[in-house]
Amino acid sequence: MERDLAVSTEWVRERIKADEPLFLIELRHAGDADFTLRKVRGALLLTDDEARRHLPEIPEGRTVVVCCAAPGDEPALELARALTERGLRAYALSGGLKAYLSAGLPVEEVGQGREMTRVRGL
């Protein structure tokens, strides 16, 4: 991950404690978003295929942190890079959602997720 776009969970924790107005984006694969039970507290939940359509909605004047639920940081890095090109201060969280959850950072419930059905014969 590019050093200038990567931040750690400790970096995020420090900003939360200091009441810095962060704008958090949780990035998920399209199919995974249907099964989400919890998310980063206050985060805008986007799927990776729709994220670029929402770039104009991201507020200026706030630091943006993109947290990816997918393995690897590349989707978060790509979105952070696109936001930076638009003139925003944007970063990708190293380790993504797994690191965020492991660090005990705040989450919120988003519902029960989509009902899953069992396929017979499997």
Protein backbone atom coordinates (compact mmCIF):
# COMPACT_ATOMS: atom_id res chain seq x y z
CA MET A 1 0.00 0.00 0.00
CA GLU A 2 1.28 3.49 -0.76
CA ARG A 3 2.71 5.00 2.40
CA ASP A 4 1.17 8.42 1.96
CA LEU A 5 -2.35 6.93 1.69
CA ALA A 6 -2.12 4.27 4.42
CA VAL A 7 -3.16 4.81 8.02
CA SER A 8 -3.22 2.46 10.99
CA THR A 9 -6.00 1.65 13.42
CA GLU A 10 -4.05 3.58 16.08
CA TRP A 11 -4.07 6.66 13.81
CA VAL A 12 -7.87 6.33 13.48
CA ARG A 13 -8.28 5.79 17.25
CA GLU A 14 -6.29 8.96 18.01
CA ARG A 15 -8.48 11.03 15.69
CA ILE A 16 -11.68 9.61 17.16
CA LYS A 17 -10.46 10.42 20.69
CA ALA A 18 -9.58 13.95 19.58
CA ASP A 19 -13.10 14.38 18.11
CA GLU A 20 -11.65 15.06 14.67
CA PRO A 21 -14.49 15.05 12.14
CA LEU A 22 -13.66 11.92 10.15
CA PHE A 23 -15.81 10.72 7.28
CA LEU A 24 -15.62 6.93 7.25
CA ILE A 25 -16.44 4.76 4.26
CA GLU A 26 -16.83 1.01 4.61
CA LEU A 27 -16.26 -0.66 1.28
CA ARG A 28 -17.67 -4.16 0.65
CA HIS A 29 -18.15 -6.50 -2.31
CA ALA A 30 -21.68 -6.21 -3.70
CA GLY A 31 -22.86 -9.63 -2.50
CA ASP A 32 -21.34 -9.20 0.94
CA ALA A 33 -23.26 -6.01 1.71
CA ASP A 34 -26.54 -7.97 1.80
CA PHE A 35 -25.30 -10.02 4.75
CA THR A 36 -23.89 -7.16 6.82
CA LEU A 37 -24.94 -7.27 10.47
CA ARG A 38 -22.66 -4.52 11.73
CA LYS A 39 -20.54 -1.80 10.24
CA VAL A 40 -18.04 0.85 11.20
CA ARG A 41 -19.99 3.30 13.35
CA GLY A 42 -21.16 6.28 11.32
CA ALA A 43 -19.64 4.97 8.10
CA LEU A 44 -21.14 5.29 4.66
CA LEU A 45 -21.55 1.68 3.52
CA LEU A 46 -20.74 1.31 -0.18
CA THR A 47 -20.14 -1.62 -2.46
CA ASP A 48 -16.96 -1.57 -4.51
CA ASP A 49 -18.91 -1.43 -7.78
CA GLU A 50 -20.91 1.66 -6.78
CA ALA A 51 -18.28 3.64 -4.88
CA ARG A 52 -17.12 5.84 -7.76
CA ARG A 53 -20.71 6.95 -8.47
CA HIS A 54 -20.88 8.37 -4.93
CA LEU A 55 -17.68 10.43 -5.07
CA PRO A 56 -19.55 13.75 -5.46
CA GLU A 57 -21.47 13.03 -2.22
CA ILE A 58 -18.32 12.83 -0.09
CA PRO A 59 -18.10 16.04 1.96
CA GLU A 60 -15.15 18.38 1.61
CA GLY A 61 -13.34 19.65 4.68
CA ARG A 62 -13.31 16.31 6.50
CA THR A 63 -10.65 13.64 6.52
CA VAL A 64 -11.91 10.53 4.73
CA VAL A 65 -10.88 7.05 5.85
CA VAL A 66 -11.77 4.10 3.62
CA CYS A 67 -12.04 0.73 5.33
CA CYS A 68 -12.34 -2.33 3.10
CA ALA A 69 -14.03 -5.56 4.16
CA ALA A 70 -12.46 -7.55 1.31
CA PRO A 71 -9.12 -9.29 1.73
CA GLY A 72 -6.28 -6.97 0.82
CA ASP A 73 -6.25 -3.20 0.89
CA GLU A 74 -6.29 -2.52 -2.86
CA PRO A 75 -10.00 -1.52 -3.20
CA ALA A 76 -9.65 0.95 -0.29
CA LEU A 77 -6.42 2.27 -1.74
CA GLU A 78 -8.02 2.81 -5.15
CA LEU A 79 -10.93 4.73 -3.64
CA ALA A 80 -8.62 6.81 -1.41
CA ARG A 81 -6.52 7.63 -4.47
CA ALA A 82 -9.63 8.69 -6.45
CA LEU A 83 -10.78 10.92 -3.57
CA THR A 84 -7.31 12.45 -3.27
CA GLU A 85 -7.38 13.25 -6.99
CA ARG A 86 -10.63 15.17 -6.33
CA GLY A 87 -8.79 17.29 -3.76
CA LEU A 88 -9.94 15.54 -0.60
CA ARG A 89 -7.76 14.34 2.28
CA ALA A 90 -8.34 10.60 2.00
CA TYR A 91 -6.63 7.52 3.41
CA ALA A 92 -7.03 3.75 3.31
CA LEU A 93 -7.02 1.83 6.58
CA SER A 94 -4.25 -0.77 6.59
CA GLY A 95 -5.70 -4.20 7.29
CA GLY A 96 -9.24 -3.06 6.48
CA LEU A 97 -12.30 -4.07 8.43
CA LYS A 98 -10.54 -7.01 10.08
CA ALA A 99 -7.94 -4.67 11.61
CA TYR A 100 -10.67 -2.18 12.58
CA LEU A 101 -12.66 -4.85 14.43
CA SER A 102 -9.55 -6.38 16.03
CA ALA A 103 -8.61 -2.95 17.39
CA GLY A 104 -12.00 -2.68 19.12
CA LEU A 105 -12.97 0.51 17.30
CA PRO A 106 -16.67 1.48 17.38
CA VAL A 107 -19.25 -0.40 15.31
CA GLU A 108 -23.01 -0.25 14.99
CA GLU A 109 -25.70 -2.80 14.18
CA VAL A 110 -27.29 -2.41 10.74
CA GLY A 111 -30.02 -5.01 10.98
CA GLN A 112 -30.36 -8.70 10.51
CA GLY A 113 -28.90 -8.97 7.03
CA ARG A 114 -30.58 -10.82 4.22
CA GLU A 115 -32.23 -14.13 5.05
CA MET A 116 -30.07 -17.02 3.89
CA THR A 117 -31.56 -20.22 2.52
CA ARG A 118 -29.94 -23.62 2.51
CA VAL A 119 -29.53 -25.34 -0.81
CA ARG A 120 -30.69 -28.95 -0.56
CA GLY A 121 -28.19 -31.63 -1.35
CA LEU A 122 -25.13 -29.64 -0.23
